[in-house]
Amino acid sequence: LIDVKTGQWEIFVPEAIEHDAISAGYTRESSDQSQVALL
């Protein structure tokens, strides 16, 4: 996060977000993409 007016900046790491999903071979690719979008 950078304040462009003052030049001050800070780096932080928020808590990780996790998600579990079950998929079938037929829909696996779209299921994976949906899971990534949700995360």
ModelCIF file with pLDDT and N, C-alpha, C, O atoms, coordinates in Angstrom:
data_MODEL
#
_entry.id   MODEL 
#
_entity.id                         1 
_entity.type                       polymer 
_entity.pdbx_number_of_molecules   1 
#
_entity_poly.entity_id                      1 
_entity_poly.type                           'polypeptide(L)' 
_entity_poly.nstd_linkage                   no 
_entity_poly.nstd_monomer                   no 
_entity_poly.pdbx_seq_one_letter_code       LIDVKTGQWEIFVPEAIEHDAISAGYTRESSDQSQVALL 
_entity_poly.pdbx_seq_one_letter_code_can   LIDVKTGQWEIFVPEAIEHDAISAGYTRESSDQSQVALL 
_entity_poly.pdbx_strand_id                 A 
#
loop_
_entity_poly_seq.entity_id 
_entity_poly_seq.num 
_entity_poly_seq.mon_id 
_entity_poly_seq.hetero 
1 1  LEU n 
1 2  ILE n 
1 3  ASP n 
1 4  VAL n 
1 5  LYS n 
1 6  THR n 
1 7  GLY n 
1 8  GLN n 
1 9  TRP n 
1 10 GLU n 
1 11 ILE n 
1 12 PHE n 
1 13 VAL n 
1 14 PRO n 
1 15 GLU n 
1 16 ALA n 
1 17 ILE n 
1 18 GLU n 
1 19 HIS n 
1 20 ASP n 
1 21 ALA n 
1 22 ILE n 
1 23 SER n 
1 24 ALA n 
1 25 GLY n 
1 26 TYR n 
1 27 THR n 
1 28 ARG n 
1 29 GLU n 
1 30 SER n 
1 31 SER n 
1 32 ASP n 
1 33 GLN n 
1 34 SER n 
1 35 GLN n 
1 36 VAL n 
1 37 ALA n 
1 38 LEU n 
1 39 LEU n 
#
_struct_asym.id          A 
_struct_asym.entity_id   1 
#
loop_
_ma_qa_metric.id 
_ma_qa_metric.mode 
_ma_qa_metric.name 
_ma_qa_metric.software_group_id 
_ma_qa_metric.type 
1 global pLDDT . pLDDT 
2 local  pLDDT . pLDDT 
#
_ma_qa_metric_global.metric_id      1 
_ma_qa_metric_global.metric_value   85.05 
_ma_qa_metric_global.model_id       1 
_ma_qa_metric_global.ordinal_id     1 
#
loop_
_ma_qa_metric_local.label_asym_id 
_ma_qa_metric_local.label_comp_id 
_ma_qa_metric_local.label_seq_id 
_ma_qa_metric_local.metric_id 
_ma_qa_metric_local.metric_value 
_ma_qa_metric_local.model_id 
_ma_qa_metric_local.ordinal_id 
A LEU 1  2 90.00 1 1  
A ILE 2  2 92.00 1 2  
A ASP 3  2 90.00 1 3  
A VAL 4  2 93.00 1 4  
A LYS 5  2 94.00 1 5  
A THR 6  2 95.00 1 6  
A GLY 7  2 94.00 1 7  
A GLN 8  2 94.00 1 8  
A TRP 9  2 94.00 1 9  
A GLU 10 2 92.00 1 10 
A ILE 11 2 93.00 1 11 
A PHE 12 2 90.00 1 12 
A VAL 13 2 91.00 1 13 
A PRO 14 2 88.00 1 14 
A GLU 15 2 89.00 1 15 
A ALA 16 2 92.00 1 16 
A ILE 17 2 92.00 1 17 
A GLU 18 2 92.00 1 18 
A HIS 19 2 86.00 1 19 
A ASP 20 2 86.00 1 20 
A ALA 21 2 79.00 1 21 
A ILE 22 2 76.00 1 22 
A SER 23 2 74.00 1 23 
A ALA 24 2 74.00 1 24 
A GLY 25 2 68.00 1 25 
A TYR 26 2 65.00 1 26 
A THR 27 2 65.00 1 27 
A ARG 28 2 67.00 1 28 
A GLU 29 2 72.00 1 29 
A SER 30 2 76.00 1 30 
A SER 31 2 75.00 1 31 
A ASP 32 2 79.00 1 32 
A GLN 33 2 84.00 1 33 
A SER 34 2 87.00 1 34 
A GLN 35 2 86.00 1 35 
A VAL 36 2 89.00 1 36 
A ALA 37 2 91.00 1 37 
A LEU 38 2 91.00 1 38 
A LEU 39 2 92.00 1 39 
#
loop_
_atom_site.group_PDB 
_atom_site.id 
_atom_site.type_symbol 
_atom_site.label_atom_id 
_atom_site.label_alt_id 
_atom_site.label_comp_id 
_atom_site.label_asym_id 
_atom_site.label_entity_id 
_atom_site.label_seq_id 
_atom_site.pdbx_PDB_ins_code 
_atom_site.Cartn_x 
_atom_site.Cartn_y 
_atom_site.Cartn_z 
_atom_site.occupancy 
_atom_site.B_iso_or_equiv 
_atom_site.pdbx_formal_charge 
_atom_site.auth_seq_id 
_atom_site.auth_comp_id 
_atom_site.auth_asym_id 
_atom_site.auth_atom_id 
_atom_site.pdbx_PDB_model_num 
ATOM 1   N N  . LEU A 1 1  ? 0.854   -1.169  0.000   1.00 90.00 ? 1  LEU A N  1 
ATOM 2   C CA . LEU A 1 1  ? 0.000   0.000   0.000   1.00 90.00 ? 1  LEU A CA 1 
ATOM 3   C C  . LEU A 1 1  ? 0.900   1.233   0.000   1.00 90.00 ? 1  LEU A C  1 
ATOM 4   O O  . LEU A 1 1  ? 1.706   1.422   0.912   1.00 90.00 ? 1  LEU A O  1 
ATOM 5   N N  . ILE A 1 2  ? 0.759   2.073   -1.032  1.00 92.00 ? 2  ILE A N  1 
ATOM 6   C CA . ILE A 1 2  ? 1.646   3.215   -1.217  1.00 92.00 ? 2  ILE A CA 1 
ATOM 7   C C  . ILE A 1 2  ? 0.830   4.500   -1.217  1.00 92.00 ? 2  ILE A C  1 
ATOM 8   O O  . ILE A 1 2  ? -0.146  4.629   -1.956  1.00 92.00 ? 2  ILE A O  1 
ATOM 9   N N  . ASP A 1 3  ? 1.239   5.447   -0.381  1.00 90.00 ? 3  ASP A N  1 
ATOM 10  C CA . ASP A 1 3  ? 0.639   6.774   -0.371  1.00 90.00 ? 3  ASP A CA 1 
ATOM 11  C C  . ASP A 1 3  ? 1.440   7.617   -1.355  1.00 90.00 ? 3  ASP A C  1 
ATOM 12  O O  . ASP A 1 3  ? 2.568   8.010   -1.059  1.00 90.00 ? 3  ASP A O  1 
ATOM 13  N N  . VAL A 1 4  ? 0.871   7.894   -2.509  1.00 93.00 ? 4  VAL A N  1 
ATOM 14  C CA . VAL A 1 4  ? 1.625   8.582   -3.554  1.00 93.00 ? 4  VAL A CA 1 
ATOM 15  C C  . VAL A 1 4  ? 1.900   10.038  -3.214  1.00 93.00 ? 4  VAL A C  1 
ATOM 16  O O  . VAL A 1 4  ? 2.820   10.642  -3.765  1.00 93.00 ? 4  VAL A O  1 
ATOM 17  N N  . LYS A 1 5  ? 1.113   10.604  -2.314  1.00 94.00 ? 5  LYS A N  1 
ATOM 18  C CA . LYS A 1 5  ? 1.327   11.993  -1.926  1.00 94.00 ? 5  LYS A CA 1 
ATOM 19  C C  . LYS A 1 5  ? 2.564   12.137  -1.042  1.00 94.00 ? 5  LYS A C  1 
ATOM 20  O O  . LYS A 1 5  ? 3.378   13.038  -1.245  1.00 94.00 ? 5  LYS A O  1 
ATOM 21  N N  . THR A 1 6  ? 2.698   11.246  -0.064  1.00 95.00 ? 6  THR A N  1 
ATOM 22  C CA . THR A 1 6  ? 3.807   11.351  0.886   1.00 95.00 ? 6  THR A CA 1 
ATOM 23  C C  . THR A 1 6  ? 4.972   10.425  0.563   1.00 95.00 ? 6  THR A C  1 
ATOM 24  O O  . THR A 1 6  ? 6.090   10.651  1.027   1.00 95.00 ? 6  THR A O  1 
ATOM 25  N N  . GLY A 1 7  ? 4.725   9.396   -0.218  1.00 94.00 ? 7  GLY A N  1 
ATOM 26  C CA . GLY A 1 7  ? 5.764   8.430   -0.526  1.00 94.00 ? 7  GLY A CA 1 
ATOM 27  C C  . GLY A 1 7  ? 5.908   7.340   0.524   1.00 94.00 ? 7  GLY A C  1 
ATOM 28  O O  . GLY A 1 7  ? 6.751   6.454   0.386   1.00 94.00 ? 7  GLY A O  1 
ATOM 29  N N  . GLN A 1 8  ? 5.097   7.396   1.567   1.00 94.00 ? 8  GLN A N  1 
ATOM 30  C CA . GLN A 1 8  ? 5.138   6.353   2.583   1.00 94.00 ? 8  GLN A CA 1 
ATOM 31  C C  . GLN A 1 8  ? 4.492   5.087   2.038   1.00 94.00 ? 8  GLN A C  1 
ATOM 32  O O  . GLN A 1 8  ? 3.571   5.145   1.224   1.00 94.00 ? 8  GLN A O  1 
ATOM 33  N N  . TRP A 1 9  ? 4.980   3.959   2.492   1.00 94.00 ? 9  TRP A N  1 
ATOM 34  C CA . TRP A 1 9  ? 4.426   2.692   2.026   1.00 94.00 ? 9  TRP A CA 1 
ATOM 35  C C  . TRP A 1 9  ? 4.475   1.662   3.144   1.00 94.00 ? 9  TRP A C  1 
ATOM 36  O O  . TRP A 1 9  ? 5.205   1.798   4.127   1.00 94.00 ? 9  TRP A O  1 
ATOM 37  N N  . GLU A 1 10 ? 3.673   0.637   2.952   1.00 92.00 ? 10 GLU A N  1 
ATOM 38  C CA . GLU A 1 10 ? 3.606   -0.461  3.921   1.00 92.00 ? 10 GLU A CA 1 
ATOM 39  C C  . GLU A 1 10 ? 3.257   -1.735  3.171   1.00 92.00 ? 10 GLU A C  1 
ATOM 40  O O  . GLU A 1 10 ? 2.476   -1.719  2.220   1.00 92.00 ? 10 GLU A O  1 
ATOM 41  N N  . ILE A 1 11 ? 3.838   -2.821  3.606   1.00 93.00 ? 11 ILE A N  1 
ATOM 42  C CA . ILE A 1 11 ? 3.511   -4.142  3.059   1.00 93.00 ? 11 ILE A CA 1 
ATOM 43  C C  . ILE A 1 11 ? 2.870   -4.951  4.171   1.00 93.00 ? 11 ILE A C  1 
ATOM 44  O O  . ILE A 1 11 ? 3.366   -4.970  5.297   1.00 93.00 ? 11 ILE A O  1 
ATOM 45  N N  . PHE A 1 12 ? 1.769   -5.618  3.857   1.00 90.00 ? 12 PHE A N  1 
ATOM 46  C CA . PHE A 1 12 ? 1.163   -6.517  4.825   1.00 90.00 ? 12 PHE A CA 1 
ATOM 47  C C  . PHE A 1 12 ? 0.612   -7.741  4.117   1.00 90.00 ? 12 PHE A C  1 
ATOM 48  O O  . PHE A 1 12 ? 0.318   -7.716  2.922   1.00 90.00 ? 12 PHE A O  1 
ATOM 49  N N  . VAL A 1 13 ? 0.481   -8.813  4.890   1.00 91.00 ? 13 VAL A N  1 
ATOM 50  C CA . VAL A 1 13 ? -0.001  -10.086 4.357   1.00 91.00 ? 13 VAL A CA 1 
ATOM 51  C C  . VAL A 1 13 ? -1.272  -10.465 5.128   1.00 91.00 ? 13 VAL A C  1 
ATOM 52  O O  . VAL A 1 13 ? -1.202  -10.857 6.293   1.00 91.00 ? 13 VAL A O  1 
ATOM 53  N N  . PRO A 1 14 ? -2.431  -10.347 4.473   1.00 88.00 ? 14 PRO A N  1 
ATOM 54  C CA . PRO A 1 14 ? -3.666  -10.752 5.152   1.00 88.00 ? 14 PRO A CA 1 
ATOM 55  C C  . PRO A 1 14 ? -3.713  -12.269 5.337   1.00 88.00 ? 14 PRO A C  1 
ATOM 56  O O  . PRO A 1 14 ? -2.921  -13.006 4.750   1.00 88.00 ? 14 PRO A O  1 
ATOM 57  N N  . GLU A 1 15 ? -4.640  -12.709 6.150   1.00 89.00 ? 15 GLU A N  1 
ATOM 58  C CA . GLU A 1 15 ? -4.798  -14.135 6.401   1.00 89.00 ? 15 GLU A CA 1 
ATOM 59  C C  . GLU A 1 15 ? -5.139  -14.880 5.102   1.00 89.00 ? 15 GLU A C  1 
ATOM 60  O O  . GLU A 1 15 ? -5.887  -14.370 4.267   1.00 89.00 ? 15 GLU A O  1 
ATOM 61  N N  . ALA A 1 16 ? -4.592  -16.073 4.942   1.00 92.00 ? 16 ALA A N  1 
ATOM 62  C CA . ALA A 1 16 ? -4.855  -16.884 3.749   1.00 92.00 ? 16 ALA A CA 1 
ATOM 63  C C  . ALA A 1 16 ? -6.315  -17.324 3.717   1.00 92.00 ? 16 ALA A C  1 
ATOM 64  O O  . ALA A 1 16 ? -6.928  -17.537 4.763   1.00 92.00 ? 16 ALA A O  1 
ATOM 65  N N  . ILE A 1 17 ? -6.868  -17.460 2.513   1.00 92.00 ? 17 ILE A N  1 
ATOM 66  C CA . ILE A 1 17 ? -8.238  -17.911 2.301   1.00 92.00 ? 17 ILE A CA 1 
ATOM 67  C C  . ILE A 1 17 ? -8.165  -19.308 1.697   1.00 92.00 ? 17 ILE A C  1 
ATOM 68  O O  . ILE A 1 17 ? -7.436  -19.531 0.731   1.00 92.00 ? 17 ILE A O  1 
ATOM 69  N N  . GLU A 1 18 ? -8.929  -20.261 2.271   1.00 92.00 ? 18 GLU A N  1 
ATOM 70  C CA . GLU A 1 18 ? -8.927  -21.644 1.779   1.00 92.00 ? 18 GLU A CA 1 
ATOM 71  C C  . GLU A 1 18 ? -10.333 -22.056 1.358   1.00 92.00 ? 18 GLU A C  1 
ATOM 72  O O  . GLU A 1 18 ? -11.331 -21.517 1.837   1.00 92.00 ? 18 GLU A O  1 
ATOM 73  N N  . HIS A 1 19 ? -10.381 -23.031 0.446   1.00 86.00 ? 19 HIS A N  1 
ATOM 74  C CA . HIS A 1 19 ? -11.666 -23.551 -0.017  1.00 86.00 ? 19 HIS A CA 1 
ATOM 75  C C  . HIS A 1 19 ? -11.486 -24.997 -0.464  1.00 86.00 ? 19 HIS A C  1 
ATOM 76  O O  . HIS A 1 19 ? -10.500 -25.327 -1.124  1.00 86.00 ? 19 HIS A O  1 
ATOM 77  N N  . ASP A 1 20 ? -12.428 -25.853 -0.109  1.00 86.00 ? 20 ASP A N  1 
ATOM 78  C CA . ASP A 1 20 ? -12.437 -27.252 -0.541  1.00 86.00 ? 20 ASP A CA 1 
ATOM 79  C C  . ASP A 1 20 ? -13.531 -27.445 -1.584  1.00 86.00 ? 20 ASP A C  1 
ATOM 80  O O  . ASP A 1 20 ? -14.596 -26.834 -1.494  1.00 86.00 ? 20 ASP A O  1 
ATOM 81  N N  . ALA A 1 21 ? -13.269 -28.289 -2.564  1.00 79.00 ? 21 ALA A N  1 
ATOM 82  C CA . ALA A 1 21 ? -14.269 -28.585 -3.589  1.00 79.00 ? 21 ALA A CA 1 
ATOM 83  C C  . ALA A 1 21 ? -14.102 -30.026 -4.059  1.00 79.00 ? 21 ALA A C  1 
ATOM 84  O O  . ALA A 1 21 ? -13.022 -30.610 -3.976  1.00 79.00 ? 21 ALA A O  1 
ATOM 85  N N  . ILE A 1 22 ? -15.196 -30.574 -4.552  1.00 76.00 ? 22 ILE A N  1 
ATOM 86  C CA . ILE A 1 22 ? -15.195 -31.912 -5.141  1.00 76.00 ? 22 ILE A CA 1 
ATOM 87  C C  . ILE A 1 22 ? -15.608 -31.748 -6.598  1.00 76.00 ? 22 ILE A C  1 
ATOM 88  O O  . ILE A 1 22 ? -16.558 -31.027 -6.903  1.00 76.00 ? 22 ILE A O  1 
ATOM 89  N N  . SER A 1 23 ? -14.895 -32.415 -7.493  1.00 74.00 ? 23 SER A N  1 
ATOM 90  C CA . SER A 1 23 ? -15.218 -32.280 -8.908  1.00 74.00 ? 23 SER A CA 1 
ATOM 91  C C  . SER A 1 23 ? -15.202 -33.629 -9.611  1.00 74.00 ? 23 SER A C  1 
ATOM 92  O O  . SER A 1 23 ? -14.608 -34.597 -9.136  1.00 74.00 ? 23 SER A O  1 
ATOM 93  N N  . ALA A 1 24 ? -15.870 -33.662 -10.749 1.00 74.00 ? 24 ALA A N  1 
ATOM 94  C CA . ALA A 1 24 ? -15.899 -34.838 -11.613 1.00 74.00 ? 24 ALA A CA 1 
ATOM 95  C C  . ALA A 1 24 ? -15.037 -34.557 -12.840 1.00 74.00 ? 24 ALA A C  1 
ATOM 96  O O  . ALA A 1 24 ? -14.789 -33.398 -13.172 1.00 74.00 ? 24 ALA A O  1 
ATOM 97  N N  . GLY A 1 25 ? -14.593 -35.582 -13.494 1.00 68.00 ? 25 GLY A N  1 
ATOM 98  C CA . GLY A 1 25 ? -13.750 -35.427 -14.673 1.00 68.00 ? 25 GLY A CA 1 
ATOM 99  C C  . GLY A 1 25 ? -14.378 -34.574 -15.757 1.00 68.00 ? 25 GLY A C  1 
ATOM 100 O O  . GLY A 1 25 ? -13.689 -33.793 -16.414 1.00 68.00 ? 25 GLY A O  1 
ATOM 101 N N  . TYR A 1 26 ? -15.666 -34.715 -15.947 1.00 65.00 ? 26 TYR A N  1 
ATOM 102 C CA . TYR A 1 26 ? -16.383 -33.994 -17.006 1.00 65.00 ? 26 TYR A CA 1 
ATOM 103 C C  . TYR A 1 26 ? -16.400 -32.487 -16.749 1.00 65.00 ? 26 TYR A C  1 
ATOM 104 O O  . TYR A 1 26 ? -16.314 -31.706 -17.696 1.00 65.00 ? 26 TYR A O  1 
ATOM 105 N N  . THR A 1 27 ? -16.508 -32.070 -15.502 1.00 65.00 ? 27 THR A N  1 
ATOM 106 C CA . THR A 1 27 ? -16.627 -30.647 -15.173 1.00 65.00 ? 27 THR A CA 1 
ATOM 107 C C  . THR A 1 27 ? -15.421 -30.107 -14.413 1.00 65.00 ? 27 THR A C  1 
ATOM 108 O O  . THR A 1 27 ? -15.482 -29.004 -13.871 1.00 65.00 ? 27 THR A O  1 
ATOM 109 N N  . ARG A 1 28 ? -14.346 -30.851 -14.365 1.00 67.00 ? 28 ARG A N  1 
ATOM 110 C CA . ARG A 1 28 ? -13.207 -30.478 -13.520 1.00 67.00 ? 28 ARG A CA 1 
ATOM 111 C C  . ARG A 1 28 ? -12.613 -29.120 -13.885 1.00 67.00 ? 28 ARG A C  1 
ATOM 112 O O  . ARG A 1 28 ? -12.355 -28.309 -12.995 1.00 67.00 ? 28 ARG A O  1 
ATOM 113 N N  . GLU A 1 29 ? -12.397 -28.860 -15.141 1.00 72.00 ? 29 GLU A N  1 
ATOM 114 C CA . GLU A 1 29 ? -11.759 -27.603 -15.533 1.00 72.00 ? 29 GLU A CA 1 
ATOM 115 C C  . GLU A 1 29 ? -12.605 -26.399 -15.134 1.00 72.00 ? 29 GLU A C  1 
ATOM 116 O O  . GLU A 1 29 ? -12.084 -25.435 -14.573 1.00 72.00 ? 29 GLU A O  1 
ATOM 117 N N  . SER A 1 30 ? -13.886 -26.445 -15.414 1.00 76.00 ? 30 SER A N  1 
ATOM 118 C CA . SER A 1 30 ? -14.748 -25.316 -15.047 1.00 76.00 ? 30 SER A CA 1 
ATOM 119 C C  . SER A 1 30 ? -14.899 -25.213 -13.533 1.00 76.00 ? 30 SER A C  1 
ATOM 120 O O  . SER A 1 30 ? -15.006 -24.113 -12.993 1.00 76.00 ? 30 SER A O  1 
ATOM 121 N N  . SER A 1 31 ? -14.910 -26.345 -12.855 1.00 75.00 ? 31 SER A N  1 
ATOM 122 C CA . SER A 1 31 ? -14.995 -26.346 -11.397 1.00 75.00 ? 31 SER A CA 1 
ATOM 123 C C  . SER A 1 31 ? -13.750 -25.712 -10.790 1.00 75.00 ? 31 SER A C  1 
ATOM 124 O O  . SER A 1 31 ? -13.852 -24.925 -9.849  1.00 75.00 ? 31 SER A O  1 
ATOM 125 N N  . ASP A 1 32 ? -12.586 -26.045 -11.314 1.00 79.00 ? 32 ASP A N  1 
ATOM 126 C CA . ASP A 1 32 ? -11.333 -25.468 -10.821 1.00 79.00 ? 32 ASP A CA 1 
ATOM 127 C C  . ASP A 1 32 ? -11.312 -23.958 -11.040 1.00 79.00 ? 32 ASP A C  1 
ATOM 128 O O  . ASP A 1 32 ? -10.919 -23.203 -10.151 1.00 79.00 ? 32 ASP A O  1 
ATOM 129 N N  . GLN A 1 33 ? -11.734 -23.522 -12.220 1.00 84.00 ? 33 GLN A N  1 
ATOM 130 C CA . GLN A 1 33 ? -11.746 -22.092 -12.517 1.00 84.00 ? 33 GLN A CA 1 
ATOM 131 C C  . GLN A 1 33 ? -12.729 -21.352 -11.618 1.00 84.00 ? 33 GLN A C  1 
ATOM 132 O O  . GLN A 1 33 ? -12.459 -20.232 -11.184 1.00 84.00 ? 33 GLN A O  1 
ATOM 133 N N  . SER A 1 34 ? -13.862 -21.975 -11.342 1.00 87.00 ? 34 SER A N  1 
ATOM 134 C CA . SER A 1 34 ? -14.847 -21.371 -10.434 1.00 87.00 ? 34 SER A CA 1 
ATOM 135 C C  . SER A 1 34 ? -14.270 -21.252 -9.031  1.00 87.00 ? 34 SER A C  1 
ATOM 136 O O  . SER A 1 34 ? -14.487 -20.251 -8.348  1.00 87.00 ? 34 SER A O  1 
ATOM 137 N N  . GLN A 1 35 ? -13.543 -22.264 -8.606  1.00 86.00 ? 35 GLN A N  1 
ATOM 138 C CA . GLN A 1 35 ? -12.938 -22.254 -7.282  1.00 86.00 ? 35 GLN A CA 1 
ATOM 139 C C  . GLN A 1 35 ? -11.889 -21.149 -7.179  1.00 86.00 ? 35 GLN A C  1 
ATOM 140 O O  . GLN A 1 35 ? -11.822 -20.460 -6.162  1.00 86.00 ? 35 GLN A O  1 
ATOM 141 N N  . VAL A 1 36 ? -11.078 -20.972 -8.207  1.00 89.00 ? 36 VAL A N  1 
ATOM 142 C CA . VAL A 1 36 ? -10.071 -19.913 -8.224  1.00 89.00 ? 36 VAL A CA 1 
ATOM 143 C C  . VAL A 1 36 ? -10.750 -18.542 -8.183  1.00 89.00 ? 36 VAL A C  1 
ATOM 144 O O  . VAL A 1 36 ? -10.323 -17.662 -7.436  1.00 89.00 ? 36 VAL A O  1 
ATOM 145 N N  . ALA A 1 37 ? -11.800 -18.358 -8.978  1.00 91.00 ? 37 ALA A N  1 
ATOM 146 C CA . ALA A 1 37 ? -12.522 -17.082 -8.992  1.00 91.00 ? 37 ALA A CA 1 
ATOM 147 C C  . ALA A 1 37 ? -13.130 -16.777 -7.624  1.00 91.00 ? 37 ALA A C  1 
ATOM 148 O O  . ALA A 1 37 ? -13.094 -15.634 -7.167  1.00 91.00 ? 37 ALA A O  1 
ATOM 149 N N  . LEU A 1 38 ? -13.684 -17.789 -6.976  1.00 91.00 ? 38 LEU A N  1 
ATOM 150 C CA . LEU A 1 38 ? -14.262 -17.609 -5.643  1.00 91.00 ? 38 LEU A CA 1 
ATOM 151 C C  . LEU A 1 38 ? -13.179 -17.202 -4.637  1.00 91.00 ? 38 LEU A C  1 
ATOM 152 O O  . LEU A 1 38 ? -13.379 -16.283 -3.842  1.00 91.00 ? 38 LEU A O  1 
ATOM 153 N N  . LEU A 1 39 ? -12.045 -17.880 -4.676  1.00 92.00 ? 39 LEU A N  1 
ATOM 154 C CA . LEU A 1 39 ? -10.946 -17.549 -3.765  1.00 92.00 ? 39 LEU A CA 1 
ATOM 155 C C  . LEU A 1 39 ? -10.450 -16.122 -3.989  1.00 92.00 ? 39 LEU A C  1 
ATOM 156 O O  . LEU A 1 39 ? -9.527  -15.675 -3.308  1.00 92.00 ? 39 LEU A O  1 
#
